[in-house]
Amino acid sequence: MDTYVIRRRNGWKTPEELQEAAAKSRRVGDEEMSDDIRWIRSYVLNEGDSAVGTVCIYQASSEEAIREHASRADLPVDEVIKVVDTVMVRPDPEPAAV
C-alpha cells in the first residue's frame, strides 16, 4: 500500500457534520474496503464561515481506491497526492480536541 494525502476543502458546515462523516468513513473503510484502504489520521482545518475542511492521511492500494472510498462514504475529494517520502522531525502533538 502507498500513502496518500487527501485535501477536502469546505466539506462540512459544522464539526458535528464532520463527526458523522468520519464515522461513516471509518465504517466503509473497515467493513467494505479493508483490503484496499486504511485511514491513518486527519487534520481538521478552519475554512472560515464556520466551515471545516480536512487534510487526511490514508494508506491505499491506489488513487482509485481513495476515490471509491470517498464515493461510498459521501466524502468530498478536492485533491489526492501520493506521498513519496516522510521527514519526521517530531511526532504529532496530542489532539487539540477529542
PDB file of N, CA and C in Angstrom:
ATOM      1  N   MET A   1       0.842  -1.184   0.000  1.00  0.00           N
ATOM      2  CA  MET A   1       0.000   0.000   0.000  1.00  0.00           C
ATOM      3  C   MET A   1       0.881   1.239   0.000  1.00  0.00           C
ATOM      4  N   ASP A   2       0.404   2.266  -0.670  1.00  0.00           N
ATOM      5  CA  ASP A   2       1.086   3.551  -0.692  1.00  0.00           C
ATOM      6  C   ASP A   2       0.373   4.519   0.250  1.00  0.00           C
ATOM      7  N   THR A   3       1.066   5.581   0.613  1.00  0.00           N
ATOM      8  CA  THR A   3       0.494   6.612   1.477  1.00  0.00           C
ATOM      9  C   THR A   3       0.044   7.785   0.614  1.00  0.00           C
ATOM     10  N   TYR A   4      -1.120   8.335   0.954  1.00  0.00           N
ATOM     11  CA  TYR A   4      -1.703   9.455   0.209  1.00  0.00           C
ATOM     12  C   TYR A   4      -2.153  10.548   1.166  1.00  0.00           C
ATOM     13  N   VAL A   5      -2.119  11.778   0.655  1.00  0.00           N
ATOM     14  CA  VAL A   5      -2.702  12.931   1.337  1.00  0.00           C
ATOM     15  C   VAL A   5      -3.941  13.319   0.544  1.00  0.00           C
ATOM     16  N   ILE A   6      -5.063  13.485   1.238  1.00  0.00           N
ATOM     17  CA  ILE A   6      -6.311  13.884   0.590  1.00  0.00           C
ATOM     18  C   ILE A   6      -6.743  15.222   1.171  1.00  0.00           C
ATOM     19  N   ARG A   7      -6.976  16.191   0.300  1.00  0.00           N
ATOM     20  CA  ARG A   7      -7.455  17.509   0.731  1.00  0.00           C
ATOM     21  C   ARG A   7      -8.944  17.575   0.477  1.00  0.00           C
ATOM     22  N   ARG A   8      -9.687  17.912   1.527  1.00  0.00           N
ATOM     23  CA  ARG A   8     -11.140  18.042   1.441  1.00  0.00           C
ATOM     24  C   ARG A   8     -11.483  19.456   1.905  1.00  0.00           C
ATOM     25  N   ARG A   9     -11.712  20.362   0.975  1.00  0.00           N
ATOM     26  CA  ARG A   9     -11.967  21.769   1.294  1.00  0.00           C
ATOM     27  C   ARG A   9     -13.451  22.001   1.601  1.00  0.00           C
ATOM     28  N   ASN A  10     -13.704  22.775   2.654  1.00  0.00           N
ATOM     29  CA  ASN A  10     -15.074  23.191   2.993  1.00  0.00           C
ATOM     30  C   ASN A  10     -16.070  22.036   2.945  1.00  0.00           C
ATOM     31  N   GLY A  11     -15.671  20.897   3.444  1.00  0.00           N
ATOM     32  CA  GLY A  11     -16.513  19.710   3.347  1.00  0.00           C
ATOM     33  C   GLY A  11     -17.725  19.697   4.255  1.00  0.00           C
ATOM     34  N   TRP A  12     -17.647  20.424   5.380  1.00  0.00           N
ATOM     35  CA  TRP A  12     -18.701  20.343   6.377  1.00  0.00           C
ATOM     36  C   TRP A  12     -18.977  21.706   6.983  1.00  0.00           C
ATOM     37  N   LYS A  13     -20.240  21.947   7.287  1.00  0.00           N
ATOM     38  CA  LYS A  13     -20.637  23.234   7.854  1.00  0.00           C
ATOM     39  C   LYS A  13     -20.380  23.312   9.346  1.00  0.00           C
ATOM     40  N   THR A  14     -20.365  22.162  10.011  1.00  0.00           N
ATOM     41  CA  THR A  14     -20.162  22.151  11.455  1.00  0.00           C
ATOM     42  C   THR A  14     -19.252  20.988  11.847  1.00  0.00           C
ATOM     43  N   PRO A  15     -18.612  21.080  12.988  1.00  0.00           N
ATOM     44  CA  PRO A  15     -17.829  19.944  13.474  1.00  0.00           C
ATOM     45  C   PRO A  15     -18.674  18.693  13.683  1.00  0.00           C
ATOM     46  N   GLU A  16     -19.942  18.864  14.013  1.00  0.00           N
ATOM     47  CA  GLU A  16     -20.831  17.713  14.199  1.00  0.00           C
ATOM     48  C   GLU A  16     -21.042  16.965  12.881  1.00  0.00           C
ATOM     49  N   GLU A  17     -21.215  17.707  11.790  1.00  0.00           N
ATOM     50  CA  GLU A  17     -21.339  17.069  10.478  1.00  0.00           C
ATOM     51  C   GLU A  17     -20.076  16.280  10.151  1.00  0.00           C
ATOM     52  N   LEU A  18     -18.933  16.852  10.489  1.00  0.00           N
ATOM     53  CA  LEU A  18     -17.664  16.163  10.246  1.00  0.00           C
ATOM     54  C   LEU A  18     -17.584  14.876  11.055  1.00  0.00           C
ATOM     55  N   GLN A  19     -18.037  14.891  12.302  1.00  0.00           N
ATOM     56  CA  GLN A  19     -18.008  13.687  13.132  1.00  0.00           C
ATOM     57  C   GLN A  19     -18.875  12.583  12.529  1.00  0.00           C
ATOM     58  N   GLU A  20     -20.039  12.950  12.007  1.00  0.00           N
ATOM     59  CA  GLU A  20     -20.911  11.965  11.356  1.00  0.00           C
ATOM     60  C   GLU A  20     -20.231  11.386  10.107  1.00  0.00           C
ATOM     61  N   ALA A  21     -19.601  12.265   9.325  1.00  0.00           N
ATOM     62  CA  ALA A  21     -18.908  11.811   8.120  1.00  0.00           C
ATOM     63  C   ALA A  21     -17.733  10.899   8.484  1.00  0.00           C
ATOM     64  N   ALA A  22     -17.033  11.238   9.558  1.00  0.00           N
ATOM     65  CA  ALA A  22     -15.892  10.418   9.988  1.00  0.00           C
ATOM     66  C   ALA A  22     -16.341   9.013  10.383  1.00  0.00           C
ATOM     67  N   ALA A  23     -17.462   8.928  11.069  1.00  0.00           N
ATOM     68  CA  ALA A  23     -17.978   7.613  11.470  1.00  0.00           C
ATOM     69  C   ALA A  23     -18.320   6.769  10.242  1.00  0.00           C
ATOM     70  N   LYS A  24     -18.954   7.391   9.251  1.00  0.00           N
ATOM     71  CA  LYS A  24     -19.300   6.667   8.029  1.00  0.00           C
ATOM     72  C   LYS A  24     -18.035   6.266   7.263  1.00  0.00           C
ATOM     73  N   SER A  25     -17.076   7.172   7.197  1.00  0.00           N
ATOM     74  CA  SER A  25     -15.817   6.889   6.516  1.00  0.00           C
ATOM     75  C   SER A  25     -15.107   5.693   7.139  1.00  0.00           C
ATOM     76  N   ARG A  26     -15.056   5.683   8.434  1.00  0.00           N
ATOM     77  CA  ARG A  26     -14.384   4.583   9.128  1.00  0.00           C
ATOM     78  C   ARG A  26     -15.107   3.254   8.879  1.00  0.00           C
ATOM     79  N   ARG A  27     -16.437   3.293   8.943  1.00  0.00           N
ATOM     80  CA  ARG A  27     -17.213   2.073   8.712  1.00  0.00           C
ATOM     81  C   ARG A  27     -16.974   1.530   7.302  1.00  0.00           C
ATOM     82  N   VAL A  28     -17.051   2.406   6.304  1.00  0.00           N
ATOM     83  CA  VAL A  28     -16.837   1.971   4.915  1.00  0.00           C
ATOM     84  C   VAL A  28     -15.423   1.414   4.745  1.00  0.00           C
ATOM     85  N   GLY A  29     -14.437   2.105   5.294  1.00  0.00           N
ATOM     86  CA  GLY A  29     -13.061   1.633   5.168  1.00  0.00           C
ATOM     87  C   GLY A  29     -12.816   0.311   5.868  1.00  0.00           C
ATOM     88  N   ASP A  30     -13.322   0.200   7.090  1.00  0.00           N
ATOM     89  CA  ASP A  30     -13.073  -1.009   7.887  1.00  0.00           C
ATOM     90  C   ASP A  30     -13.908  -2.211   7.451  1.00  0.00           C
ATOM     91  N   GLU A  31     -15.159  -1.967   7.051  1.00  0.00           N
ATOM     92  CA  GLU A  31     -16.072  -3.079   6.768  1.00  0.00           C
ATOM     93  C   GLU A  31     -16.201  -3.423   5.286  1.00  0.00           C
ATOM     94  N   GLU A  32     -16.066  -2.432   4.411  1.00  0.00           N
ATOM     95  CA  GLU A  32     -16.294  -2.677   2.987  1.00  0.00           C
ATOM     96  C   GLU A  32     -15.018  -2.709   2.148  1.00  0.00           C
ATOM     97  N   MET A  33     -13.973  -2.024   2.604  1.00  0.00           N
ATOM     98  CA  MET A  33     -12.789  -1.877   1.761  1.00  0.00           C
ATOM     99  C   MET A  33     -11.489  -2.132   2.528  1.00  0.00           C
ATOM    100  N   SER A  34     -11.522  -2.979   3.515  1.00  0.00           N
ATOM    101  CA  SER A  34     -10.365  -3.158   4.391  1.00  0.00           C
ATOM    102  C   SER A  34      -9.109  -3.668   3.677  1.00  0.00           C
ATOM    103  N   ASP A  35      -9.263  -4.317   2.538  1.00  0.00           N
ATOM    104  CA  ASP A  35      -8.091  -4.781   1.797  1.00  0.00           C
ATOM    105  C   ASP A  35      -7.457  -3.679   0.949  1.00  0.00           C
ATOM    106  N   ASP A  36      -8.187  -2.573   0.745  1.00  0.00           N
ATOM    107  CA  ASP A  36      -7.722  -1.533  -0.172  1.00  0.00           C
ATOM    108  C   ASP A  36      -7.411  -0.187   0.464  1.00  0.00           C
ATOM    109  N   ILE A  37      -7.877   0.038   1.684  1.00  0.00           N
ATOM    110  CA  ILE A  37      -7.719   1.383   2.237  1.00  0.00           C
ATOM    111  C   ILE A  37      -7.621   1.348   3.752  1.00  0.00           C
ATOM    112  N   ARG A  38      -6.819   2.257   4.284  1.00  0.00           N
ATOM    113  CA  ARG A  38      -6.688   2.377   5.736  1.00  0.00           C
ATOM    114  C   ARG A  38      -6.511   3.854   6.080  1.00  0.00           C
ATOM    115  N   TRP A  39      -7.426   4.377   6.884  1.00  0.00           N
ATOM    116  CA  TRP A  39      -7.382   5.764   7.329  1.00  0.00           C
ATOM    117  C   TRP A  39      -6.387   5.852   8.477  1.00  0.00           C
ATOM    118  N   ILE A  40      -5.404   6.738   8.344  1.00  0.00           N
ATOM    119  CA  ILE A  40      -4.371   6.887   9.357  1.00  0.00           C
ATOM    120  C   ILE A  40      -4.707   8.037  10.313  1.00  0.00           C
ATOM    121  N   ARG A  41      -4.921   9.227   9.768  1.00  0.00           N
ATOM    122  CA  ARG A  41      -5.261  10.390  10.604  1.00  0.00           C
ATOM    123  C   ARG A  41      -5.788  11.510   9.717  1.00  0.00           C
ATOM    124  N   SER A  42      -6.425  12.483  10.365  1.00  0.00           N
ATOM    125  CA  SER A  42      -6.889  13.675   9.662  1.00  0.00           C
ATOM    126  C   SER A  42      -6.596  14.903  10.500  1.00  0.00           C
ATOM    127  N   TYR A  43      -6.310  15.983   9.814  1.00  0.00           N
ATOM    128  CA  TYR A  43      -6.148  17.282  10.445  1.00  0.00           C
ATOM    129  C   TYR A  43      -7.350  18.115  10.029  1.00  0.00           C
ATOM    130  N   VAL A  44      -8.093  18.640  11.005  1.00  0.00           N
ATOM    131  CA  VAL A  44      -9.294  19.425  10.738  1.00  0.00           C
ATOM    132  C   VAL A  44      -8.886  20.886  10.635  1.00  0.00           C
ATOM    133  N   LEU A  45      -9.355  21.538   9.566  1.00  0.00           N
ATOM    134  CA  LEU A  45      -8.965  22.908   9.264  1.00  0.00           C
ATOM    135  C   LEU A  45     -10.151  23.854   9.332  1.00  0.00           C
ATOM    136  N   ASN A  46      -9.954  25.017   9.919  1.00  0.00           N
ATOM    137  CA  ASN A  46     -10.961  26.068   9.928  1.00  0.00           C
ATOM    138  C   ASN A  46     -10.940  26.715   8.549  1.00  0.00           C
ATOM    139  N   GLU A  47     -12.031  26.583   7.809  1.00  0.00           N
ATOM    140  CA  GLU A  47     -12.112  27.115   6.454  1.00  0.00           C
ATOM    141  C   GLU A  47     -12.835  28.460   6.400  1.00  0.00           C
ATOM    142  N   GLY A  48     -13.182  29.031   7.559  1.00  0.00           N
ATOM    143  CA  GLY A  48     -13.907  30.298   7.585  1.00  0.00           C
ATOM    144  C   GLY A  48     -15.404  30.062   7.500  1.00  0.00           C
ATOM    145  N   ASP A  49     -16.172  31.058   7.925  1.00  0.00           N
ATOM    146  CA  ASP A  49     -17.634  30.960   7.914  1.00  0.00           C
ATOM    147  C   ASP A  49     -18.124  29.706   8.618  1.00  0.00           C
ATOM    148  N   SER A  50     -17.434  29.268   9.650  1.00  0.00           N
ATOM    149  CA  SER A  50     -17.770  28.101  10.463  1.00  0.00           C
ATOM    150  C   SER A  50     -17.596  26.775   9.736  1.00  0.00           C
ATOM    151  N   ALA A  51     -17.186  26.796   8.485  1.00  0.00           N
ATOM    152  CA  ALA A  51     -16.972  25.548   7.739  1.00  0.00           C
ATOM    153  C   ALA A  51     -15.645  24.929   8.149  1.00  0.00           C
ATOM    154  N   VAL A  52     -15.585  23.612   8.034  1.00  0.00           N
ATOM    155  CA  VAL A  52     -14.334  22.910   8.294  1.00  0.00           C
ATOM    156  C   VAL A  52     -13.988  22.034   7.102  1.00  0.00           C
ATOM    157  N   GLY A  53     -12.702  21.895   6.885  1.00  0.00           N
ATOM    158  CA  GLY A  53     -12.173  21.007   5.864  1.00  0.00           C
ATOM    159  C   GLY A  53     -11.164  20.095   6.532  1.00  0.00           C
ATOM    160  N   THR A  54     -10.562  19.220   5.760  1.00  0.00           N
ATOM    161  CA  THR A  54      -9.573  18.315   6.333  1.00  0.00           C
ATOM    162  C   THR A  54      -8.416  18.079   5.372  1.00  0.00           C
ATOM    163  N   VAL A  55      -7.312  17.697   5.954  1.00  0.00           N
ATOM    164  CA  VAL A  55      -6.195  17.085   5.247  1.00  0.00           C
ATOM    165  C   VAL A  55      -6.083  15.704   5.876  1.00  0.00           C
ATOM    166  N   CYS A  56      -6.273  14.680   5.071  1.00  0.00           N
ATOM    167  CA  CYS A  56      -6.321  13.308   5.586  1.00  0.00           C
ATOM    168  C   CYS A  56      -5.135  12.506   5.075  1.00  0.00           C
ATOM    169  N   ILE A  57      -4.649  11.633   5.931  1.00  0.00           N
ATOM    170  CA  ILE A  57      -3.568  10.721   5.575  1.00  0.00           C
ATOM    171  C   ILE A  57      -4.161   9.315   5.516  1.00  0.00           C
ATOM    172  N   TYR A  58      -3.996   8.679   4.375  1.00  0.00           N
ATOM    173  CA  TYR A  58      -4.506   7.326   4.155  1.00  0.00           C
ATOM    174  C   TYR A  58      -3.403   6.458   3.580  1.00  0.00           C
ATOM    175  N   GLN A  59      -3.522   5.173   3.791  1.00  0.00           N
ATOM    176  CA  GLN A  59      -2.773   4.197   3.026  1.00  0.00           C
ATOM    177  C   GLN A  59      -3.796   3.501   2.147  1.00  0.00           C
ATOM    178  N   ALA A  60      -3.435   3.296   0.884  1.00  0.00           N
ATOM    179  CA  ALA A  60      -4.387   2.690  -0.045  1.00  0.00           C
ATOM    180  C   ALA A  60      -3.658   1.952  -1.143  1.00  0.00           C
ATOM    181  N   SER A  61      -4.388   1.047  -1.779  1.00  0.00           N
ATOM    182  CA  SER A  61      -3.835   0.275  -2.883  1.00  0.00           C
ATOM    183  C   SER A  61      -3.663   1.121  -4.139  1.00  0.00           C
ATOM    184  N   SER A  62      -4.438   2.235  -4.247  1.00  0.00           N
ATOM    185  CA  SER A  62      -4.355   3.102  -5.427  1.00  0.00           C
ATOM    186  C   SER A  62      -5.132   4.386  -5.186  1.00  0.00           C
ATOM    187  N   GLU A  63      -4.911   5.359  -6.051  1.00  0.00           N
ATOM    188  CA  GLU A  63      -5.714   6.587  -6.003  1.00  0.00           C
ATOM    189  C   GLU A  63      -7.178   6.268  -6.284  1.00  0.00           C
ATOM    190  N   GLU A  64      -7.413   5.313  -7.151  1.00  0.00           N
ATOM    191  CA  GLU A  64      -8.794   4.918  -7.462  1.00  0.00           C
ATOM    192  C   GLU A  64      -9.501   4.380  -6.219  1.00  0.00           C
ATOM    193  N   ALA A  65      -8.786   3.641  -5.362  1.00  0.00           N
ATOM    194  CA  ALA A  65      -9.383   3.150  -4.120  1.00  0.00           C
ATOM    195  C   ALA A  65      -9.739   4.311  -3.194  1.00  0.00           C
ATOM    196  N   ILE A  66      -8.905   5.329  -3.165  1.00  0.00           N
ATOM    197  CA  ILE A  66      -9.203   6.535  -2.371  1.00  0.00           C
ATOM    198  C   ILE A  66     -10.518   7.150  -2.857  1.00  0.00           C
ATOM    199  N   ARG A  67     -10.625   7.315  -4.153  1.00  0.00           N
ATOM    200  CA  ARG A  67     -11.830   7.949  -4.721  1.00  0.00           C
ATOM    201  C   ARG A  67     -13.076   7.062  -4.553  1.00  0.00           C
ATOM    202  N   GLU A  68     -12.920   5.759  -4.663  1.00  0.00           N
ATOM    203  CA  GLU A  68     -14.039   4.828  -4.446  1.00  0.00           C
ATOM    204  C   GLU A  68     -14.516   4.901  -2.999  1.00  0.00           C
ATOM    205  N   HIS A  69     -13.594   4.924  -2.076  1.00  0.00           N
ATOM    206  CA  HIS A  69     -13.947   5.056  -0.663  1.00  0.00           C
ATOM    207  C   HIS A  69     -14.708   6.356  -0.426  1.00  0.00           C
ATOM    208  N   ALA A  70     -14.210   7.445  -0.971  1.00  0.00           N
ATOM    209  CA  ALA A  70     -14.871   8.740  -0.806  1.00  0.00           C
ATOM    210  C   ALA A  70     -16.285   8.713  -1.380  1.00  0.00           C
ATOM    211  N   SER A  71     -16.448   8.083  -2.526  1.00  0.00           N
ATOM    212  CA  SER A  71     -17.769   7.984  -3.143  1.00  0.00           C
ATOM    213  C   SER A  71     -18.726   7.184  -2.260  1.00  0.00           C
ATOM    214  N   ARG A  72     -18.277   6.048  -1.773  1.00  0.00           N
ATOM    215  CA  ARG A  72     -19.133   5.210  -0.916  1.00  0.00           C
ATOM    216  C   ARG A  72     -19.480   5.895   0.399  1.00  0.00           C
ATOM    217  N   ALA A  73     -18.552   6.704   0.923  1.00  0.00           N
ATOM    218  CA  ALA A  73     -18.763   7.361   2.217  1.00  0.00           C
ATOM    219  C   ALA A  73     -19.318   8.776   2.075  1.00  0.00           C
ATOM    220  N   ASP A  74     -19.618   9.200   0.854  1.00  0.00           N
ATOM    221  CA  ASP A  74     -20.146  10.549   0.584  1.00  0.00           C
ATOM    222  C   ASP A  74     -19.209  11.645   1.093  1.00  0.00           C
ATOM    223  N   LEU A  75     -17.924  11.498   0.790  1.00  0.00           N
ATOM    224  CA  LEU A  75     -16.921  12.472   1.209  1.00  0.00           C
ATOM    225  C   LEU A  75     -16.436  13.271   0.004  1.00  0.00           C
ATOM    226  N   PRO A  76     -16.161  14.561   0.195  1.00  0.00           N
ATOM    227  CA  PRO A  76     -15.568  15.330  -0.896  1.00  0.00           C
ATOM    228  C   PRO A  76     -14.101  14.937  -1.081  1.00  0.00           C
ATOM    229  N   VAL A  77     -13.615  15.083  -2.288  1.00  0.00           N
ATOM    230  CA  VAL A  77     -12.191  14.878  -2.582  1.00  0.00           C
ATOM    231  C   VAL A  77     -11.779  15.987  -3.540  1.00  0.00           C
ATOM    232  N   ASP A  78     -10.996  16.939  -3.043  1.00  0.00           N
ATOM    233  CA  ASP A  78     -10.524  18.020  -3.899  1.00  0.00           C
ATOM    234  C   ASP A  78      -9.181  17.710  -4.525  1.00  0.00           C
ATOM    235  N   GLU A  79      -8.374  16.956  -3.799  1.00  0.00           N
ATOM    236  CA  GLU A  79      -7.036  16.660  -4.299  1.00  0.00           C
ATOM    237  C   GLU A  79      -6.522  15.392  -3.630  1.00  0.00           C
ATOM    238  N   VAL A  80      -5.847  14.543  -4.412  1.00  0.00           N
ATOM    239  CA  VAL A  80      -5.199  13.342  -3.894  1.00  0.00           C
ATOM    240  C   VAL A  80      -3.739  13.409  -4.330  1.00  0.00           C
ATOM    241  N   ILE A  81      -2.839  13.297  -3.361  1.00  0.00           N
ATOM    242  CA  ILE A  81      -1.407  13.382  -3.651  1.00  0.00           C
ATOM    243  C   ILE A  81      -0.711  12.166  -3.052  1.00  0.00           C
ATOM    244  N   LYS A  82       0.050  11.456  -3.880  1.00  0.00           N
ATOM    245  CA  LYS A  82       0.812  10.312  -3.393  1.00  0.00           C
ATOM    246  C   LYS A  82       2.049  10.812  -2.647  1.00  0.00           C
ATOM    247  N   VAL A  83       2.290  10.260  -1.470  1.00  0.00           N
ATOM    248  CA  VAL A  83       3.453  10.623  -0.659  1.00  0.00           C
ATOM    249  C   VAL A  83       4.644   9.805  -1.148  1.00  0.00           C
ATOM    250  N   VAL A  84       5.765  10.480  -1.370  1.00  0.00           N
ATOM    251  CA  VAL A  84       6.954   9.767  -1.838  1.00  0.00           C
ATOM    252  C   VAL A  84       7.981   9.553  -0.736  1.00  0.00           C
ATOM    253  N   ASP A  85       7.875  10.314   0.365  1.00  0.00           N
ATOM    254  CA  ASP A  85       8.820  10.156   1.464  1.00  0.00           C
ATOM    255  C   ASP A  85       8.258  10.872   2.689  1.00  0.00           C
ATOM    256  N   THR A  86       8.801  10.548   3.851  1.00  0.00           N
ATOM    257  CA  THR A  86       8.395  11.190   5.096  1.00  0.00           C
ATOM    258  C   THR A  86       9.633  11.734   5.795  1.00  0.00           C
ATOM    259  N   VAL A  87       9.546  12.963   6.239  1.00  0.00           N
ATOM    260  CA  VAL A  87      10.587  13.569   7.062  1.00  0.00           C
ATOM    261  C   VAL A  87       9.965  13.784   8.437  1.00  0.00           C
ATOM    262  N   MET A  88      10.430  13.054   9.419  1.00  0.00           N
ATOM    263  CA  MET A  88       9.864  13.134  10.766  1.00  0.00           C
ATOM    264  C   MET A  88      10.799  13.964  11.639  1.00  0.00           C
ATOM    265  N   VAL A  89      10.321  15.135  12.040  1.00  0.00           N
ATOM    266  CA  VAL A  89      11.082  15.997  12.939  1.00  0.00           C
ATOM    267  C   VAL A  89      10.641  15.743  14.373  1.00  0.00           C
ATOM    268  N   ARG A  90       9.348  15.698  14.578  1.00  0.00           N
ATOM    269  CA  ARG A  90       8.745  15.399  15.878  1.00  0.00           C
ATOM    270  C   ARG A  90       7.457  14.613  15.629  1.00  0.00           C
ATOM    271  N   PRO A  91       7.039  13.827  16.590  1.00  0.00           N
ATOM    272  CA  PRO A  91       5.728  13.156  16.438  1.00  0.00           C
ATOM    273  C   PRO A  91       4.617  14.199  16.516  1.00  0.00           C
ATOM    274  N   ASP A  92       3.462  13.818  16.002  1.00  0.00           N
ATOM    275  CA  ASP A  92       2.311  14.721  16.086  1.00  0.00           C
ATOM    276  C   ASP A  92       2.029  15.052  17.544  1.00  0.00           C
ATOM    277  N   PRO A  93       1.634  16.301  17.822  1.00  0.00           N
ATOM    278  CA  PRO A  93       1.241  16.646  19.195  1.00  0.00           C
ATOM    279  C   PRO A  93      -0.081  15.967  19.551  1.00  0.00           C
ATOM    280  N   GLU A  94      -0.394  15.972  20.825  1.00  0.00           N
ATOM    281  CA  GLU A  94      -1.673  15.431  21.269  1.00  0.00           C
ATOM    282  C   GLU A  94      -2.798  16.226  20.602  1.00  0.00           C
ATOM    283  N   PRO A  95      -3.918  15.572  20.270  1.00  0.00           N
ATOM    284  CA  PRO A  95      -5.025  16.270  19.615  1.00  0.00           C
ATOM    285  C   PRO A  95      -5.527  17.455  20.449  1.00  0.00           C
ATOM    286  N   ALA A  96      -5.900  18.519  19.735  1.00  0.00           N
ATOM    287  CA  ALA A  96      -6.441  19.700  20.404  1.00  0.00           C
ATOM    288  C   ALA A  96      -7.856  19.445  20.896  1.00  0.00           C
ATOM    289  N   ALA A  97      -8.593  18.620  20.179  1.00  0.00           N
ATOM    290  CA  ALA A  97      -9.975  18.306  20.557  1.00  0.00           C
ATOM    291  C   ALA A  97     -10.175  16.799  20.438  1.00  0.00           C
ATOM    292  N   VAL A  98     -11.084  16.285  21.235  1.00  0.00           N
ATOM    293  CA  VAL A  98     -11.369  14.858  21.193  1.00  0.00           C
ATOM    294  C   VAL A  98     -12.733  14.620  20.622  1.00  0.00           C
TER     295      VAL A  98
END
